[in-house]
């Protein structure tokens, strides 16, 4: 998957230092390794859920555990698969900068380019994705 970053309090500079660059490279490798397997795994769940958030959580967990990294919290809420947006984070980070003292690197996942839903016309008034 492609991603974008927001470096808060020079986090990206710190992560590129020799003491932490290997861990940063592992994280980016996990993110970029997730591609078409999202669609395959989503189809294997055999449910009507349209959101791919559960699939992304599961794939991240699997890949981090193979690196012997803990996976403590899902990136999406489990109850209704609500996705916190990268833009929403950016809106809230500046007002909180006095309270947040640690460097943070937030990585926002970009939309999948391969995921396109064909439009099916059922009648002249409604269109549904298939």
Foldseek 3Di string as FASTA:
>chain_A
DDKDKDKDPCPVVVCCDPVRVVVVVLVVVLVVVDACVLVVVVVVVPDPDPDSQVVVQVSSCVSCVVVVHHDDDRQADDPPRDHDAPVNCVVPCVVCVVVDDDIDMDMGDDDHPPDDFDWDDPDPPDIDTD
